[in-house]
Amino acid sequence: MKYLLIILLFASCNPLKKAQQTFDANKPAAAEYCADRFPVKDSLIKGDTLVTTDTVYFKEYENVVTVDTFRTMPITNTRYITKTIRITDTIIRRDNAREQVLEARLKNTQQVLENNNTVLEKWRSDYYGMKDKRDKWRIRFFILLGLTIAYVGLRVKKLIPF
């Protein structure tokens, strides 16, 4: 009985792995679920409307032949107008599932960055603490060095008896 309890504790289900296996087994159902849960949003940005007008004139002529002359006479003026309307709109498709994955990664990265900043601040404070201790020991060393030099100097001049 005791071993059965231990086996059940170690063999407990992993919901994320189980969901991935279920989605891998039923890809159409997974795609439908993701499409319902994270729909793709389309946004339309109104753009410019460009109107161009092209006008082309044609003159039609008729050749008139008489006995002694050959003349060309205009018949009609023909005008062709072409009006083109061009509307430029932009459609933006937003993949919400991808956005949520990226937001989760961004939050994770921000937490790691905050942890690193905390560690960095701790190291910086430790460094400045060591620097203060080092400066105190330096001052003590130079005071002791000065006293030793003064003592040796006075011994050399025989002002201080041994």
Protein backbone atom coordinates (compact mmCIF):
# COMPACT_ATOMS: atom_id res chain seq x y z
CA MET A 1 0.00 0.00 0.00
CA LYS A 2 2.85 2.35 0.88
CA TYR A 3 4.57 1.66 -2.46
CA LEU A 4 1.35 2.25 -4.33
CA LEU A 5 1.06 5.71 -2.78
CA ILE A 6 4.65 6.51 -3.73
CA ILE A 7 4.08 5.30 -7.29
CA LEU A 8 0.95 7.43 -7.59
CA LEU A 9 2.83 10.50 -6.35
CA PHE A 10 5.63 10.07 -8.87
CA ALA A 11 3.36 9.03 -11.73
CA SER A 12 0.98 11.95 -11.38
CA CYS A 13 -0.24 13.57 -14.54
CA ASN A 14 1.41 16.56 -16.14
CA PRO A 15 -1.47 18.63 -17.59
CA LEU A 16 0.73 20.57 -20.00
CA LYS A 17 2.27 17.42 -21.46
CA LYS A 18 -1.13 15.72 -21.62
CA ALA A 19 -2.62 18.71 -23.47
CA GLN A 20 0.28 18.75 -25.93
CA GLN A 21 -0.14 15.04 -26.62
CA THR A 22 -3.89 15.49 -27.09
CA PHE A 23 -3.33 18.40 -29.49
CA ASP A 24 -0.71 16.45 -31.43
CA ALA A 25 -3.13 13.53 -31.78
CA ASN A 26 -6.06 15.75 -32.91
CA LYS A 27 -4.56 18.58 -34.93
CA PRO A 28 -7.84 19.76 -36.54
CA ALA A 29 -9.53 19.98 -33.14
CA ALA A 30 -6.50 21.78 -31.73
CA ALA A 31 -6.53 24.26 -34.60
CA GLU A 32 -10.25 24.90 -34.09
CA TYR A 33 -9.76 25.39 -30.35
CA CYS A 34 -6.89 27.82 -30.90
CA ALA A 35 -8.88 29.71 -33.53
CA ASP A 36 -11.82 30.06 -31.12
CA ARG A 37 -9.64 30.92 -28.12
CA PHE A 38 -7.25 33.27 -29.93
CA PRO A 39 -9.04 34.71 -32.96
CA VAL A 40 -7.08 36.66 -35.54
CA LYS A 41 -8.18 40.27 -35.51
CA ASP A 42 -8.22 42.30 -38.68
CA SER A 43 -7.88 46.05 -38.54
CA LEU A 44 -8.52 48.32 -41.48
CA ILE A 45 -6.62 51.56 -41.78
CA LYS A 46 -8.18 53.95 -44.25
CA GLY A 47 -5.66 55.18 -46.74
CA ASP A 48 -5.59 57.72 -49.51
CA THR A 49 -8.01 57.98 -52.39
CA LEU A 50 -6.28 58.92 -55.60
CA VAL A 51 -8.38 60.01 -58.56
CA THR A 52 -6.67 60.30 -61.94
CA THR A 53 -8.36 61.48 -65.08
CA ASP A 54 -6.89 60.90 -68.51
CA THR A 55 -8.38 62.66 -71.51
CA VAL A 56 -7.38 61.73 -75.04
CA TYR A 57 -8.57 63.64 -78.09
CA PHE A 58 -8.76 62.05 -81.51
CA LYS A 59 -9.59 63.89 -84.66
CA GLU A 60 -11.07 61.82 -87.42
CA TYR A 61 -10.48 62.79 -90.97
CA GLU A 62 -12.08 61.83 -94.24
CA ASN A 63 -10.31 61.89 -97.51
CA VAL A 64 -12.23 63.72 -100.20
CA VAL A 65 -11.16 63.09 -103.76
CA THR A 66 -12.35 65.32 -106.55
CA VAL A 67 -11.30 65.32 -110.16
CA ASP A 68 -8.43 67.72 -109.84
CA THR A 69 -7.62 67.76 -106.04
CA PHE A 70 -7.16 65.51 -103.12
CA ARG A 71 -8.23 67.00 -99.78
CA THR A 72 -8.48 65.78 -96.24
CA MET A 73 -11.44 67.15 -94.31
CA PRO A 74 -12.08 66.77 -90.55
CA ILE A 75 -15.26 64.95 -89.69
CA THR A 76 -15.56 64.89 -85.91
CA ASN A 77 -13.56 65.38 -82.75
CA THR A 78 -13.62 62.34 -80.53
CA ARG A 79 -12.79 62.67 -76.87
CA TYR A 80 -12.07 59.69 -74.57
CA ILE A 81 -12.10 60.32 -70.85
CA THR A 82 -10.73 57.68 -68.53
CA LYS A 83 -11.33 58.27 -64.83
CA THR A 84 -9.43 55.98 -62.44
CA ILE A 85 -10.15 55.90 -58.71
CA ARG A 86 -7.50 54.19 -56.61
CA ILE A 87 -8.21 53.63 -52.93
CA THR A 88 -5.29 52.52 -50.78
CA ASP A 89 -6.29 50.80 -47.54
CA THR A 90 -4.13 48.76 -45.21
CA ILE A 91 -5.34 45.61 -43.50
CA ILE A 92 -3.46 44.57 -40.37
CA ARG A 93 -3.88 41.05 -39.07
CA ARG A 94 -3.04 40.46 -35.44
CA ASP A 95 -2.27 36.96 -34.25
CA ASN A 96 -3.45 37.03 -30.63
CA ALA A 97 -1.96 33.64 -29.73
CA ARG A 98 1.49 34.76 -30.84
CA GLU A 99 1.05 38.07 -28.99
CA GLN A 100 0.25 36.26 -25.74
CA VAL A 101 3.29 34.00 -26.13
CA LEU A 102 5.49 37.04 -26.71
CA GLU A 103 3.96 38.87 -23.73
CA ALA A 104 4.69 35.86 -21.50
CA ARG A 105 8.29 35.80 -22.75
CA LEU A 106 8.59 39.54 -22.14
CA LYS A 107 7.35 39.19 -18.55
CA ASN A 108 9.77 36.32 -17.96
CA THR A 109 12.65 38.35 -19.39
CA GLN A 110 11.72 41.35 -17.24
CA GLN A 111 11.71 39.16 -14.11
CA VAL A 112 15.14 37.77 -15.00
CA LEU A 113 16.39 41.31 -15.60
CA GLU A 114 15.03 42.48 -12.23
CA ASN A 115 16.73 39.51 -10.50
CA ASN A 116 20.00 40.32 -12.26
CA ASN A 117 19.71 43.97 -11.24
CA THR A 118 19.16 42.92 -7.63
CA VAL A 119 22.25 40.70 -7.71
CA LEU A 120 24.23 43.48 -9.37
CA GLU A 121 23.21 45.99 -6.71
CA LYS A 122 24.25 43.52 -3.99
CA TRP A 123 27.65 43.02 -5.64
CA ARG A 124 28.06 46.78 -6.02
CA SER A 125 27.31 47.39 -2.33
CA ASP A 126 29.72 44.57 -1.37
CA TYR A 127 32.41 46.14 -3.55
CA TYR A 128 32.00 49.57 -1.98
CA GLY A 129 32.06 47.96 1.48
CA MET A 130 35.34 46.20 0.61
CA LYS A 131 36.71 49.47 -0.78
CA ASP A 132 35.99 51.26 2.51
CA LYS A 133 37.68 48.46 4.48
CA ARG A 134 40.67 48.55 2.14
CA ASP A 135 41.01 52.31 2.57
CA LYS A 136 40.95 51.96 6.37
CA TRP A 137 43.68 49.32 6.25
CA ARG A 138 45.73 51.52 3.89
CA ILE A 139 45.52 54.45 6.28
CA ARG A 140 46.56 52.19 9.17
CA PHE A 141 49.49 50.85 7.13
CA PHE A 142 50.78 54.31 6.25
CA ILE A 143 50.44 55.52 9.85
CA LEU A 144 52.37 52.45 11.06
CA LEU A 145 54.96 52.96 8.29
CA GLY A 146 55.38 56.60 9.29
CA LEU A 147 55.78 55.68 12.95
CA THR A 148 58.34 52.99 12.06
CA ILE A 149 60.35 55.41 9.90
CA ALA A 150 60.25 58.03 12.67
CA TYR A 151 61.39 55.46 15.24
CA VAL A 152 64.24 54.22 13.02
CA GLY A 153 65.27 57.79 12.26
CA LEU A 154 65.38 58.71 15.91
CA ARG A 155 67.35 55.52 16.69
CA VAL A 156 69.89 56.38 14.02
CA LYS A 157 70.42 59.86 15.54
CA LYS A 158 70.63 58.22 18.95
CA LEU A 159 67.92 60.37 20.43
CA ILE A 160 66.00 57.35 21.64
CA PRO A 161 68.08 54.92 23.75
CA PHE A 162 67.69 51.23 23.11
